[in-house]
Amino acid sequence: MDKTNQGKESLADLMRQAKRAQEIISAVDFRKIATHDSDEVSKLTGITDALERLSEGEEVDRVDGIDEVHNTDPRQAWITELMELLDSAGHSERVGRVFAIASGEERGRIKPLDMVPHREGIPLHDLCLAPNYAPSEGAHALFISATGVFSAHAAQPFNRHKWKILRSQRYDRDTELLAIIGHYLDPPES
């Protein structure tokens, strides 16, 4: 690092760089490198590049071969992808929530799914998403699985009513999923 850059960096920046360099280096098994383990040796190129970038003051968030998360649960990997898709579509604040209208209210609000004390009547799903309406007093949500989306409503009082499926649709691609979600967010046309 040249002296002009060094003077501009704060102690916090230098500590962050040092901590990240330590994380990168500690991810290498030097015993395996000494025995010429091909997987471990292949990490060296990425590590060398990352350490050079760090020394130049760059932020190094991800290093190939080091920062890869191996997810052995395909369902969890799918949910992570789905969350990223919903976030990029601007729906992240709706995840895990329902649209609820309480007794005597004219307008509802988005609330956590946990406000409904049961999941009776809801088929298997991966995520819940709050729409912009409820057809009547109670809670309304979109439920997403790897193959379909369904809209369900639980009427009040919740202790006497199960969730009821209002409509559902299958999808094959992310573009179809986002189109269905967009269509289901608002009340169906009469």
C-alpha atoms as a PDB file:
ATOM      1  CA  MET A   1       0.000   0.000   0.000  1.00  0.00           C
ATOM      2  CA  ASP A   2       1.505   3.368  -0.944  1.00  0.00           C
ATOM      3  CA  LYS A   3       1.852   6.167   1.601  1.00  0.00           C
ATOM      4  CA  THR A   4      -0.843   8.392   0.050  1.00  0.00           C
ATOM      5  CA  ASN A   5      -3.502   5.716   0.531  1.00  0.00           C
ATOM      6  CA  GLN A   6      -2.173   4.760   3.937  1.00  0.00           C
ATOM      7  CA  GLY A   7      -2.653   8.276   5.282  1.00  0.00           C
ATOM      8  CA  LYS A   8      -6.277   8.372   4.141  1.00  0.00           C
ATOM      9  CA  GLU A   9      -7.354   5.127   5.775  1.00  0.00           C
ATOM     10  CA  SER A  10      -8.634   5.108   9.305  1.00  0.00           C
ATOM     11  CA  LEU A  11      -7.536   2.717  11.983  1.00  0.00           C
ATOM     12  CA  ALA A  12     -10.948   1.009  11.685  1.00  0.00           C
ATOM     13  CA  ASP A  13     -10.343   0.428   7.953  1.00  0.00           C
ATOM     14  CA  LEU A  14      -6.926  -1.066   8.655  1.00  0.00           C
ATOM     15  CA  MET A  15      -8.339  -3.307  11.380  1.00  0.00           C
ATOM     16  CA  ARG A  16     -11.122  -4.455   9.036  1.00  0.00           C
ATOM     17  CA  GLN A  17      -8.552  -5.267   6.333  1.00  0.00           C
ATOM     18  CA  ALA A  18      -6.358  -7.149   8.800  1.00  0.00           C
ATOM     19  CA  LYS A  19      -9.305  -9.124  10.149  1.00  0.00           C
ATOM     20  CA  ARG A  20     -10.426 -10.037   6.632  1.00  0.00           C
ATOM     21  CA  ALA A  21      -6.871 -11.053   5.674  1.00  0.00           C
ATOM     22  CA  GLN A  22      -6.741 -13.268   8.760  1.00  0.00           C
ATOM     23  CA  GLU A  23     -10.106 -14.863   7.827  1.00  0.00           C
ATOM     24  CA  ILE A  24      -8.860 -15.591   4.312  1.00  0.00           C
ATOM     25  CA  ILE A  25      -5.544 -17.046   5.430  1.00  0.00           C
ATOM     26  CA  SER A  26      -7.127 -19.138   8.198  1.00  0.00           C
ATOM     27  CA  ALA A  27      -9.367 -20.802   5.604  1.00  0.00           C
ATOM     28  CA  VAL A  28      -6.298 -22.514   4.114  1.00  0.00           C
ATOM     29  CA  ASP A  29      -5.101 -25.872   5.386  1.00  0.00           C
ATOM     30  CA  PHE A  30      -1.334 -25.557   4.965  1.00  0.00           C
ATOM     31  CA  ARG A  31      -0.804 -29.228   5.844  1.00  0.00           C
ATOM     32  CA  LYS A  32      -2.914 -30.185   2.825  1.00  0.00           C
ATOM     33  CA  ILE A  33      -0.946 -27.770   0.647  1.00  0.00           C
ATOM     34  CA  ALA A  34       2.296 -29.396   1.826  1.00  0.00           C
ATOM     35  CA  THR A  35       0.915 -32.753   0.655  1.00  0.00           C
ATOM     36  CA  HIS A  36      -0.109 -31.176  -2.680  1.00  0.00           C
ATOM     37  CA  ASP A  37      -3.854 -31.631  -2.120  1.00  0.00           C
ATOM     38  CA  SER A  38      -5.264 -30.311  -5.406  1.00  0.00           C
ATOM     39  CA  ASP A  39      -8.399 -28.731  -3.882  1.00  0.00           C
ATOM     40  CA  GLU A  40      -6.392 -26.829  -1.288  1.00  0.00           C
ATOM     41  CA  VAL A  41      -3.678 -25.782  -3.754  1.00  0.00           C
ATOM     42  CA  SER A  42      -6.367 -24.442  -6.118  1.00  0.00           C
ATOM     43  CA  LYS A  43      -7.420 -21.976  -3.398  1.00  0.00           C
ATOM     44  CA  LEU A  44      -4.049 -20.227  -3.519  1.00  0.00           C
ATOM     45  CA  THR A  45      -4.711 -18.199  -6.679  1.00  0.00           C
ATOM     46  CA  GLY A  46      -7.896 -16.698  -5.253  1.00  0.00           C
ATOM     47  CA  ILE A  47      -6.238 -16.064  -1.906  1.00  0.00           C
ATOM     48  CA  THR A  48      -3.228 -14.337  -3.453  1.00  0.00           C
ATOM     49  CA  ASP A  49      -5.481 -12.103  -5.540  1.00  0.00           C
ATOM     50  CA  ALA A  50      -7.701 -11.300  -2.541  1.00  0.00           C
ATOM     51  CA  LEU A  51      -4.746 -10.400  -0.310  1.00  0.00           C
ATOM     52  CA  GLU A  52      -3.317  -8.114  -3.009  1.00  0.00           C
ATOM     53  CA  ARG A  53      -6.680  -6.371  -3.369  1.00  0.00           C
ATOM     54  CA  LEU A  54      -6.910  -5.979   0.416  1.00  0.00           C
ATOM     55  CA  SER A  55      -3.431  -4.429   0.545  1.00  0.00           C
ATOM     56  CA  GLU A  56      -4.563  -1.888  -2.070  1.00  0.00           C
ATOM     57  CA  GLY A  57      -7.454  -0.878   0.190  1.00  0.00           C
ATOM     58  CA  GLU A  58     -10.231  -2.696  -1.680  1.00  0.00           C
ATOM     59  CA  GLU A  59     -13.060  -4.435   0.145  1.00  0.00           C
ATOM     60  CA  VAL A  60     -12.948  -8.176  -0.455  1.00  0.00           C
ATOM     61  CA  ASP A  61     -16.339  -9.672   0.306  1.00  0.00           C
ATOM     62  CA  ARG A  62     -16.033 -13.033  -1.416  1.00  0.00           C
ATOM     63  CA  VAL A  63     -13.091 -15.213  -2.375  1.00  0.00           C
ATOM     64  CA  ASP A  64     -13.657 -18.153  -4.723  1.00  0.00           C
ATOM     65  CA  GLY A  65     -13.011 -21.438  -2.969  1.00  0.00           C
ATOM     66  CA  ILE A  66     -12.966 -19.810   0.473  1.00  0.00           C
ATOM     67  CA  ASP A  67     -16.269 -18.049   1.064  1.00  0.00           C
ATOM     68  CA  GLU A  68     -18.507 -20.562  -0.624  1.00  0.00           C
ATOM     69  CA  VAL A  69     -21.291 -21.818   1.549  1.00  0.00           C
ATOM     70  CA  HIS A  70     -22.107 -25.443   0.941  1.00  0.00           C
ATOM     71  CA  ASN A  71     -25.772 -25.937   1.613  1.00  0.00           C
ATOM     72  CA  THR A  72     -26.647 -29.601   1.827  1.00  0.00           C
ATOM     73  CA  ASP A  73     -30.353 -28.918   2.286  1.00  0.00           C
ATOM     74  CA  PRO A  74     -31.914 -28.340  -1.165  1.00  0.00           C
ATOM     75  CA  ARG A  75     -35.095 -26.916   0.361  1.00  0.00           C
ATOM     76  CA  GLN A  76     -33.133 -24.316   2.318  1.00  0.00           C
ATOM     77  CA  ALA A  77     -31.176 -23.433  -0.833  1.00  0.00           C
ATOM     78  CA  TRP A  78     -34.491 -22.987  -2.678  1.00  0.00           C
ATOM     79  CA  ILE A  79     -35.878 -20.754   0.087  1.00  0.00           C
ATOM     80  CA  THR A  80     -32.718 -18.632  -0.027  1.00  0.00           C
ATOM     81  CA  GLU A  81     -33.092 -18.230  -3.803  1.00  0.00           C
ATOM     82  CA  LEU A  82     -36.778 -17.400  -3.373  1.00  0.00           C
ATOM     83  CA  MET A  83     -35.997 -14.762  -0.742  1.00  0.00           C
ATOM     84  CA  GLU A  84     -33.453 -13.166  -3.085  1.00  0.00           C
ATOM     85  CA  LEU A  85     -35.980 -13.196  -5.945  1.00  0.00           C
ATOM     86  CA  LEU A  86     -38.677 -11.613  -3.776  1.00  0.00           C
ATOM     87  CA  ASP A  87     -36.213  -9.044  -2.452  1.00  0.00           C
ATOM     88  CA  SER A  88     -35.143  -8.040  -5.967  1.00  0.00           C
ATOM     89  CA  ALA A  89     -38.834  -7.711  -6.914  1.00  0.00           C
ATOM     90  CA  GLY A  90     -39.442  -5.387  -3.950  1.00  0.00           C
ATOM     91  CA  HIS A  91     -41.510  -7.807  -1.860  1.00  0.00           C
ATOM     92  CA  SER A  92     -39.131  -8.504   1.032  1.00  0.00           C
ATOM     93  CA  GLU A  93     -41.181  -6.471   3.551  1.00  0.00           C
ATOM     94  CA  ARG A  94     -44.188  -8.737   2.812  1.00  0.00           C
ATOM     95  CA  VAL A  95     -42.425 -12.048   3.558  1.00  0.00           C
ATOM     96  CA  GLY A  96     -43.747 -13.906   6.607  1.00  0.00           C
ATOM     97  CA  ARG A  97     -46.690 -11.542   6.880  1.00  0.00           C
ATOM     98  CA  VAL A  98     -50.440 -11.491   6.178  1.00  0.00           C
ATOM     99  CA  PHE A  99     -52.980  -8.816   5.369  1.00  0.00           C
ATOM    100  CA  ALA A 100     -55.392  -8.685   8.312  1.00  0.00           C
ATOM    101  CA  ILE A 101     -58.701  -6.957   8.927  1.00  0.00           C
ATOM    102  CA  ALA A 102     -59.869  -6.988  12.542  1.00  0.00           C
ATOM    103  CA  SER A 103     -63.519  -6.911  13.599  1.00  0.00           C
ATOM    104  CA  GLY A 104     -64.991  -3.474  13.119  1.00  0.00           C
ATOM    105  CA  GLU A 105     -62.113  -2.183  10.973  1.00  0.00           C
ATOM    106  CA  GLU A 106     -62.693  -0.863   7.489  1.00  0.00           C
ATOM    107  CA  ARG A 107     -59.087  -1.116   6.408  1.00  0.00           C
ATOM    108  CA  GLY A 108     -56.594  -3.814   7.193  1.00  0.00           C
ATOM    109  CA  ARG A 109     -52.893  -3.850   7.871  1.00  0.00           C
ATOM    110  CA  ILE A 110     -49.938  -6.063   7.111  1.00  0.00           C
ATOM    111  CA  LYS A 111     -49.099  -8.110  10.202  1.00  0.00           C
ATOM    112  CA  PRO A 112     -46.901 -11.124  11.065  1.00  0.00           C
ATOM    113  CA  LEU A 113     -48.262 -14.545  10.072  1.00  0.00           C
ATOM    114  CA  ASP A 114     -47.924 -15.583  13.722  1.00  0.00           C
ATOM    115  CA  MET A 115     -50.932 -13.412  14.608  1.00  0.00           C
ATOM    116  CA  VAL A 116     -53.026 -16.348  13.357  1.00  0.00           C
ATOM    117  CA  PRO A 117     -52.516 -19.015  16.039  1.00  0.00           C
ATOM    118  CA  HIS A 118     -52.732 -22.032  13.686  1.00  0.00           C
ATOM    119  CA  ARG A 119     -51.896 -23.280  10.170  1.00  0.00           C
ATOM    120  CA  GLU A 120     -54.860 -25.645   9.813  1.00  0.00           C
ATOM    121  CA  GLY A 121     -55.953 -25.914   6.181  1.00  0.00           C
ATOM    122  CA  ILE A 122     -52.678 -24.671   4.687  1.00  0.00           C
ATOM    123  CA  PRO A 123     -50.870 -27.180   2.424  1.00  0.00           C
ATOM    124  CA  LEU A 124     -47.077 -27.492   2.483  1.00  0.00           C
ATOM    125  CA  HIS A 125     -45.383 -24.273   1.433  1.00  0.00           C
ATOM    126  CA  ASP A 126     -42.028 -22.548   1.719  1.00  0.00           C
ATOM    127  CA  LEU A 127     -42.900 -18.895   2.284  1.00  0.00           C
ATOM    128  CA  CYS A 128     -45.848 -16.685   3.091  1.00  0.00           C
ATOM    129  CA  LEU A 129     -46.354 -13.266   1.494  1.00  0.00           C
ATOM    130  CA  ALA A 130     -48.841 -10.526   2.467  1.00  0.00           C
ATOM    131  CA  PRO A 131     -51.152  -9.295  -0.309  1.00  0.00           C
ATOM    132  CA  ASN A 132     -52.807  -5.857  -0.350  1.00  0.00           C
ATOM    133  CA  TYR A 133     -56.250  -6.990   0.788  1.00  0.00           C
ATOM    134  CA  ALA A 134     -58.350  -9.514   2.665  1.00  0.00           C
ATOM    135  CA  PRO A 135     -61.708 -10.619   1.249  1.00  0.00           C
ATOM    136  CA  SER A 136     -63.353 -10.266   4.673  1.00  0.00           C
ATOM    137  CA  GLU A 137     -62.475  -9.951   8.377  1.00  0.00           C
ATOM    138  CA  GLY A 138     -59.539 -12.191   9.161  1.00  0.00           C
ATOM    139  CA  ALA A 139     -56.150 -12.849   7.621  1.00  0.00           C
ATOM    140  CA  HIS A 140     -55.246 -13.302   3.966  1.00  0.00           C
ATOM    141  CA  ALA A 141     -51.888 -14.465   2.590  1.00  0.00           C
ATOM    142  CA  LEU A 142     -50.153 -15.865  -0.453  1.00  0.00           C
ATOM    143  CA  PHE A 143     -48.281 -19.102   0.157  1.00  0.00           C
ATOM    144  CA  ILE A 144     -45.438 -20.105  -2.159  1.00  0.00           C
ATOM    145  CA  SER A 145     -43.990 -23.552  -2.769  1.00  0.00           C
ATOM    146  CA  ALA A 146     -41.433 -24.720  -5.339  1.00  0.00           C
ATOM    147  CA  THR A 147     -44.206 -25.453  -7.852  1.00  0.00           C
ATOM    148  CA  GLY A 148     -47.158 -23.214  -7.059  1.00  0.00           C
ATOM    149  CA  VAL A 149     -48.720 -20.222  -5.366  1.00  0.00           C
ATOM    150  CA  PHE A 150     -51.994 -20.246  -3.486  1.00  0.00           C
ATOM    151  CA  SER A 151     -54.038 -17.588  -1.796  1.00  0.00           C
ATOM    152  CA  ALA A 152     -55.669 -18.489   1.522  1.00  0.00           C
ATOM    153  CA  HIS A 153     -57.908 -16.763   4.048  1.00  0.00           C
ATOM    154  CA  ALA A 154     -58.580 -17.482   7.710  1.00  0.00           C
ATOM    155  CA  ALA A 155     -61.766 -15.847   8.958  1.00  0.00           C
ATOM    156  CA  GLN A 156     -62.187 -14.442  12.432  1.00  0.00           C
ATOM    157  CA  PRO A 157     -62.465 -15.740  15.074  1.00  0.00           C
ATOM    158  CA  PHE A 158     -59.400 -17.797  14.243  1.00  0.00           C
ATOM    159  CA  ASN A 159     -60.116 -20.442  16.881  1.00  0.00           C
ATOM    160  CA  ARG A 160     -63.276 -21.449  14.959  1.00  0.00           C
ATOM    161  CA  HIS A 161     -62.027 -21.192  11.370  1.00  0.00           C
ATOM    162  CA  LYS A 162     -59.367 -23.034   9.385  1.00  0.00           C
ATOM    163  CA  TRP A 163     -57.476 -21.457   6.516  1.00  0.00           C
ATOM    164  CA  LYS A 164     -59.432 -21.758   3.269  1.00  0.00           C
ATOM    165  CA  ILE A 165     -57.732 -21.861  -0.146  1.00  0.00           C
ATOM    166  CA  LEU A 166     -59.217 -19.142  -2.368  1.00  0.00           C
ATOM    167  CA  ARG A 167     -57.235 -19.741  -5.566  1.00  0.00           C
ATOM    168  CA  SER A 168     -54.040 -21.410  -6.696  1.00  0.00           C
ATOM    169  CA  GLN A 169     -51.791 -21.603  -9.710  1.00  0.00           C
ATOM    170  CA  ARG A 170     -48.750 -23.638 -10.741  1.00  0.00           C
ATOM    171  CA  TYR A 171     -45.609 -22.114 -12.262  1.00  0.00           C
ATOM    172  CA  ASP A 172     -42.439 -23.368 -13.957  1.00  0.00           C
ATOM    173  CA  ARG A 173     -40.139 -20.330 -14.058  1.00  0.00           C
ATOM    174  CA  ASP A 174     -39.296 -17.367 -11.836  1.00  0.00           C
ATOM    175  CA  THR A 175     -40.906 -14.978 -14.335  1.00  0.00           C
ATOM    176  CA  GLU A 176     -44.175 -16.904 -14.045  1.00  0.00           C
ATOM    177  CA  LEU A 177     -43.931 -16.889 -10.252  1.00  0.00           C
ATOM    178  CA  LEU A 178     -43.444 -13.120 -10.143  1.00  0.00           C
ATOM    179  CA  ALA A 179     -46.333 -12.594 -12.571  1.00  0.00           C
ATOM    180  CA  ILE A 180     -48.651 -14.741 -10.426  1.00  0.00           C
ATOM    181  CA  ILE A 181     -47.590 -12.914  -7.257  1.00  0.00           C
ATOM    182  CA  GLY A 182     -48.192  -9.568  -8.964  1.00  0.00           C
ATOM    183  CA  HIS A 183     -51.653 -10.727 -10.036  1.00  0.00           C
ATOM    184  CA  TYR A 184     -52.529 -12.164  -6.586  1.00  0.00           C
ATOM    185  CA  LEU A 185     -51.398  -9.134  -4.571  1.00  0.00           C
ATOM    186  CA  ASP A 186     -54.523  -7.129  -5.381  1.00  0.00           C
ATOM    187  CA  PRO A 187     -58.207  -8.142  -5.228  1.00  0.00           C
ATOM    188  CA  PRO A 188     -59.399 -10.307  -8.124  1.00  0.00           C
ATOM    189  CA  GLU A 189     -61.458  -8.512 -10.715  1.00  0.00           C
ATOM    190  CA  SER A 190     -65.173  -9.152 -10.345  1.00  0.00           C
END
